[in-house]
Amino acid sequence: MTPALLVVLLLVVGVVLLAIEVFVIPGVGLVGLLGGAAVVGAVALAWTTLGAAHGLLALGAGVCAAGLLFWAVARTRAGQKMVLHETQRSGRGPDARLAALAGKEGRALTPLRPAGTVEIDDRAVDVVTDGLYVEAGTPVRVSSVEGNRVVVEPRKP
């Protein structure tokens, strides 16, 4: 088999394996790695045996095939499902109602180990302690509010 035919064969096999990886068995698995290795091997073989011009030609063919594969994936329903179409609003920041809880007292609804739920002003609030274990039903006081993190401590009688 001539080196040129081997280069073309490796390119075709590599692109087919990559297409199988994308369309049939999604994920970065053995098939995709073998496909990528075949394409890289084709470029290296063309470069070393046929010269730099043919190596660049093989590289261009590999890039074009990858571009066509990417375009084909983007046009399919599966490709559309891989893209996040929603945007996240910026500037929302921490909940202002939480900052108003600083210094308030409540009761632990769940055990705090160190995270749990506390009832403050007839409202359930997710809180943490500074590493302490607090039994459910224990009176607590909000010691600090840092952004969306509400830190409580057991209330002293």
Protein backbone atom coordinates (compact mmCIF):
# COMPACT_ATOMS: atom_id res chain seq x y z
CA MET A 1 0.00 0.00 0.00
CA THR A 2 1.39 3.40 -0.94
CA PRO A 3 1.90 6.05 1.73
CA ALA A 4 -0.59 8.39 0.02
CA LEU A 5 -3.31 5.76 0.09
CA LEU A 6 -2.52 5.02 3.74
CA VAL A 7 -2.81 8.74 4.60
CA VAL A 8 -6.22 8.98 2.91
CA LEU A 9 -7.37 5.77 4.58
CA LEU A 10 -6.26 7.00 8.02
CA LEU A 11 -8.02 10.33 7.47
CA VAL A 12 -11.27 8.66 6.43
CA VAL A 13 -11.17 6.14 9.28
CA GLY A 14 -10.36 8.92 11.76
CA VAL A 15 -13.22 11.13 10.64
CA VAL A 16 -15.65 8.19 10.62
CA LEU A 17 -14.62 7.23 14.16
CA LEU A 18 -15.04 10.82 15.32
CA ALA A 19 -18.49 10.96 13.70
CA ILE A 20 -19.45 7.73 15.46
CA GLU A 21 -18.25 9.21 18.74
CA VAL A 22 -20.32 12.36 18.25
CA PHE A 23 -23.53 10.91 16.80
CA VAL A 24 -23.76 7.36 18.14
CA ILE A 25 -21.75 7.09 21.38
CA PRO A 26 -21.55 10.60 22.88
CA GLY A 27 -18.75 11.27 25.35
CA VAL A 28 -14.99 11.28 25.28
CA GLY A 29 -14.33 7.61 24.93
CA LEU A 30 -12.04 5.18 23.23
CA VAL A 31 -13.66 5.59 19.81
CA GLY A 32 -13.10 9.36 19.83
CA LEU A 33 -9.52 8.98 21.00
CA LEU A 34 -8.83 6.44 18.27
CA GLY A 35 -10.40 8.73 15.67
CA GLY A 36 -8.30 11.67 16.80
CA ALA A 37 -5.18 9.52 16.84
CA ALA A 38 -5.91 8.32 13.29
CA VAL A 39 -6.24 11.89 12.02
CA VAL A 40 -3.05 12.98 13.79
CA GLY A 41 -1.30 9.86 12.49
CA ALA A 42 -2.41 10.63 8.94
CA VAL A 43 -1.01 14.15 9.17
CA ALA A 44 2.27 12.93 10.67
CA LEU A 45 2.61 10.17 8.06
CA ALA A 46 1.91 12.57 5.22
CA TRP A 47 4.38 15.09 6.59
CA THR A 48 7.21 12.58 7.06
CA THR A 49 6.80 10.40 3.98
CA LEU A 50 5.25 12.70 1.39
CA GLY A 51 6.70 16.06 2.41
CA ALA A 52 5.52 19.23 4.08
CA ALA A 53 3.12 20.19 1.27
CA HIS A 54 1.21 16.93 1.55
CA GLY A 55 1.35 17.16 5.33
CA LEU A 56 -0.29 20.58 5.18
CA LEU A 57 -2.83 19.20 2.72
CA ALA A 58 -3.68 16.35 5.12
CA LEU A 59 -3.88 18.83 8.01
CA GLY A 60 -6.24 21.04 5.98
CA ALA A 61 -8.39 18.04 5.09
CA GLY A 62 -8.57 17.05 8.75
CA VAL A 63 -9.52 20.57 9.82
CA CYS A 64 -12.16 20.81 7.08
CA ALA A 65 -13.61 17.43 8.05
CA ALA A 66 -13.72 18.49 11.70
CA GLY A 67 -15.43 21.74 10.72
CA LEU A 68 -18.02 19.88 8.65
CA LEU A 69 -18.60 17.49 11.53
CA PHE A 70 -19.04 20.40 13.95
CA TRP A 71 -21.48 22.10 11.55
CA ALA A 72 -23.45 18.86 11.14
CA VAL A 73 -23.71 18.42 14.91
CA ALA A 74 -24.84 22.02 15.36
CA ARG A 75 -27.67 21.47 12.84
CA THR A 76 -29.10 18.37 14.56
CA ARG A 77 -31.60 18.31 17.42
CA ALA A 78 -29.00 16.64 19.63
CA GLY A 79 -26.59 19.47 18.90
CA GLN A 80 -29.22 22.06 19.80
CA LYS A 81 -29.80 20.31 23.13
CA MET A 82 -26.09 20.68 23.97
CA VAL A 83 -26.30 24.48 23.82
CA LEU A 84 -27.55 26.56 26.74
CA HIS A 85 -29.94 29.12 25.24
CA GLU A 86 -30.80 30.90 28.50
CA THR A 87 -28.71 33.68 29.96
CA GLN A 88 -28.00 34.42 33.58
CA ARG A 89 -28.97 37.84 34.82
CA SER A 90 -26.13 39.76 36.32
CA GLY A 91 -26.34 42.08 39.27
CA ARG A 92 -28.89 40.12 41.28
CA GLY A 93 -26.55 39.71 44.23
CA PRO A 94 -27.50 38.49 47.68
CA ASP A 95 -31.07 38.45 48.95
CA ALA A 96 -31.67 41.78 50.74
CA ARG A 97 -34.21 40.12 53.07
CA LEU A 98 -31.41 37.97 54.49
CA ALA A 99 -29.36 40.99 55.55
CA ALA A 100 -32.30 42.09 57.72
CA LEU A 101 -32.00 38.86 59.73
CA ALA A 102 -28.74 39.88 61.45
CA GLY A 103 -29.21 39.76 65.23
CA LYS A 104 -32.66 38.14 65.07
CA GLU A 105 -33.54 35.05 67.05
CA GLY A 106 -35.32 31.89 66.02
CA ARG A 107 -35.57 28.15 66.56
CA ALA A 108 -33.78 25.31 64.76
CA LEU A 109 -36.30 23.32 62.72
CA THR A 110 -33.74 20.65 61.80
CA PRO A 111 -30.48 19.57 63.41
CA LEU A 112 -27.71 21.96 62.35
CA ARG A 113 -24.67 19.80 61.44
CA PRO A 114 -23.46 22.49 60.75
CA ALA A 115 -26.05 23.35 58.05
CA GLY A 116 -29.80 23.11 58.42
CA THR A 117 -33.04 25.08 58.62
CA VAL A 118 -34.09 27.64 61.22
CA GLU A 119 -37.45 29.35 61.70
CA ILE A 120 -37.11 33.12 62.06
CA ASP A 121 -40.20 35.37 62.05
CA ASP A 122 -42.42 32.47 60.83
CA ARG A 123 -40.07 31.92 57.89
CA ALA A 124 -37.82 28.91 57.20
CA VAL A 125 -34.23 30.01 56.47
CA ASP A 126 -31.28 27.85 55.39
CA VAL A 127 -28.41 28.54 57.78
CA VAL A 128 -25.01 27.29 58.91
CA THR A 129 -23.17 27.33 62.22
CA ASP A 130 -19.49 27.90 62.84
CA GLY A 131 -18.93 24.15 63.01
CA LEU A 132 -21.18 23.51 65.99
CA TYR A 133 -23.80 20.77 66.16
CA VAL A 134 -27.16 22.18 67.24
CA GLU A 135 -30.16 19.98 68.08
CA ALA A 136 -33.54 20.63 66.42
CA GLY A 137 -35.73 22.87 68.59
CA THR A 138 -32.78 24.77 70.10
CA PRO A 139 -33.16 28.57 70.25
CA VAL A 140 -30.59 30.28 67.98
CA ARG A 141 -29.47 33.81 67.14
CA VAL A 142 -28.20 35.06 63.75
CA SER A 143 -24.60 36.09 64.40
CA SER A 144 -23.80 37.27 60.88
CA VAL A 145 -25.07 37.42 57.31
CA GLU A 146 -22.43 37.21 54.57
CA GLY A 147 -24.10 37.50 51.17
CA ASN A 148 -26.50 34.56 51.03
CA ARG A 149 -24.80 32.77 53.93
CA VAL A 150 -26.64 33.12 57.24
CA VAL A 151 -24.55 32.09 60.26
CA VAL A 152 -26.29 31.25 63.55
CA GLU A 153 -25.17 30.33 67.03
CA PRO A 154 -27.06 28.72 69.90
CA ARG A 155 -28.79 31.33 72.04
CA LYS A 156 -27.54 31.50 75.60
CA PRO A 157 -30.31 31.35 78.24
